[in-house]
Amino acid sequence: MTEEPKVFAMLREYDESKSKLRALEEELNKECAAYGRDVLGLWGFSPNHLRQRLYALGLTKKEQTNG
């Protein structure tokens, strides 16, 4: 039996990481919505809103985009 190419293992690792990231995104969305509603009195507060708020308060650096 021949050894499996490295690319197969990389694809499995990628799929696993993508799944974990999706779960984290869902949890982050829920927490941001709860924070916006309960603390700020805002509905529909998203991670992007939180990022903008932190940037405006000087608590994080603005993301750099290519292009």
C-alpha atoms as a PDB file:
ATOM      1  CA  MET A   1       0.000   0.000   0.000  1.00  0.00           C
ATOM      2  CA  THR A   2       1.365   3.388  -0.916  1.00  0.00           C
ATOM      3  CA  GLU A   3       1.611   6.354   1.388  1.00  0.00           C
ATOM      4  CA  GLU A   4      -1.157   8.924   1.153  1.00  0.00           C
ATOM      5  CA  PRO A   5      -0.140  12.235  -0.454  1.00  0.00           C
ATOM      6  CA  LYS A   6       0.325  15.143   1.944  1.00  0.00           C
ATOM      7  CA  VAL A   7      -2.402  17.056   0.130  1.00  0.00           C
ATOM      8  CA  PHE A   8      -5.055  14.571   1.386  1.00  0.00           C
ATOM      9  CA  ALA A   9      -4.131  15.233   5.003  1.00  0.00           C
ATOM     10  CA  MET A  10      -4.053  18.966   4.351  1.00  0.00           C
ATOM     11  CA  LEU A  11      -7.565  18.851   2.872  1.00  0.00           C
ATOM     12  CA  ARG A  12      -8.898  16.980   5.910  1.00  0.00           C
ATOM     13  CA  GLU A  13      -7.223  19.488   8.234  1.00  0.00           C
ATOM     14  CA  TYR A  14      -8.690  22.366   6.215  1.00  0.00           C
ATOM     15  CA  ASP A  15     -12.208  20.906   6.400  1.00  0.00           C
ATOM     16  CA  GLU A  16     -11.868  20.371  10.148  1.00  0.00           C
ATOM     17  CA  SER A  17     -10.621  23.940  10.684  1.00  0.00           C
ATOM     18  CA  LYS A  18     -13.405  25.340   8.527  1.00  0.00           C
ATOM     19  CA  SER A  19     -15.995  23.495  10.595  1.00  0.00           C
ATOM     20  CA  LYS A  20     -14.514  24.797  13.860  1.00  0.00           C
ATOM     21  CA  LEU A  21     -14.393  28.340  12.462  1.00  0.00           C
ATOM     22  CA  ARG A  22     -18.065  28.151  11.449  1.00  0.00           C
ATOM     23  CA  ALA A  23     -19.042  27.086  14.985  1.00  0.00           C
ATOM     24  CA  LEU A  24     -16.979  29.963  16.413  1.00  0.00           C
ATOM     25  CA  GLU A  25     -18.635  32.429  14.004  1.00  0.00           C
ATOM     26  CA  GLU A  26     -22.097  31.265  15.083  1.00  0.00           C
ATOM     27  CA  GLU A  27     -21.234  31.667  18.755  1.00  0.00           C
ATOM     28  CA  LEU A  28     -19.660  35.086  18.144  1.00  0.00           C
ATOM     29  CA  ASN A  29     -22.780  36.251  16.294  1.00  0.00           C
ATOM     30  CA  LYS A  30     -24.979  35.168  19.221  1.00  0.00           C
ATOM     31  CA  GLU A  31     -22.739  36.868  21.788  1.00  0.00           C
ATOM     32  CA  CYS A  32     -22.521  40.103  19.777  1.00  0.00           C
ATOM     33  CA  ALA A  33     -26.298  40.199  19.355  1.00  0.00           C
ATOM     34  CA  ALA A  34     -26.776  39.647  23.106  1.00  0.00           C
ATOM     35  CA  TYR A  35     -24.171  42.299  23.961  1.00  0.00           C
ATOM     36  CA  GLY A  36     -25.741  44.820  21.599  1.00  0.00           C
ATOM     37  CA  ARG A  37     -29.231  44.145  22.909  1.00  0.00           C
ATOM     38  CA  ASP A  38     -28.469  43.846  26.638  1.00  0.00           C
ATOM     39  CA  VAL A  39     -25.657  46.381  27.081  1.00  0.00           C
ATOM     40  CA  LEU A  40     -26.106  48.899  24.283  1.00  0.00           C
ATOM     41  CA  GLY A  41     -29.851  48.637  23.679  1.00  0.00           C
ATOM     42  CA  LEU A  42     -29.281  47.919  19.971  1.00  0.00           C
ATOM     43  CA  TRP A  43     -30.886  45.200  17.881  1.00  0.00           C
ATOM     44  CA  GLY A  44     -28.973  43.448  15.103  1.00  0.00           C
ATOM     45  CA  PHE A  45     -25.532  44.185  16.580  1.00  0.00           C
ATOM     46  CA  SER A  46     -22.976  42.106  14.648  1.00  0.00           C
ATOM     47  CA  PRO A  47     -19.271  41.292  14.946  1.00  0.00           C
ATOM     48  CA  ASN A  48     -18.604  43.975  12.300  1.00  0.00           C
ATOM     49  CA  HIS A  49     -20.423  46.547  14.430  1.00  0.00           C
ATOM     50  CA  LEU A  50     -18.346  45.475  17.429  1.00  0.00           C
ATOM     51  CA  ARG A  51     -15.140  45.776  15.402  1.00  0.00           C
ATOM     52  CA  GLN A  52     -16.123  49.286  14.249  1.00  0.00           C
ATOM     53  CA  ARG A  53     -16.988  50.296  17.814  1.00  0.00           C
ATOM     54  CA  LEU A  54     -13.669  49.020  19.176  1.00  0.00           C
ATOM     55  CA  TYR A  55     -11.805  50.834  16.420  1.00  0.00           C
ATOM     56  CA  ALA A  56     -13.665  54.087  17.144  1.00  0.00           C
ATOM     57  CA  LEU A  57     -12.788  53.749  20.838  1.00  0.00           C
ATOM     58  CA  GLY A  58      -9.130  53.131  19.948  1.00  0.00           C
ATOM     59  CA  LEU A  59      -9.197  49.636  21.451  1.00  0.00           C
ATOM     60  CA  THR A  60      -8.090  47.877  18.276  1.00  0.00           C
ATOM     61  CA  LYS A  61      -6.238  48.688  15.088  1.00  0.00           C
ATOM     62  CA  LYS A  62      -8.081  49.091  11.821  1.00  0.00           C
ATOM     63  CA  GLU A  63      -7.742  46.097   9.526  1.00  0.00           C
ATOM     64  CA  GLN A  64      -5.678  46.675   6.443  1.00  0.00           C
ATOM     65  CA  THR A  65      -7.137  45.549   3.144  1.00  0.00           C
ATOM     66  CA  ASN A  66      -5.307  44.715  -0.034  1.00  0.00           C
ATOM     67  CA  GLY A  67      -6.263  46.592  -3.124  1.00  0.00           C
END
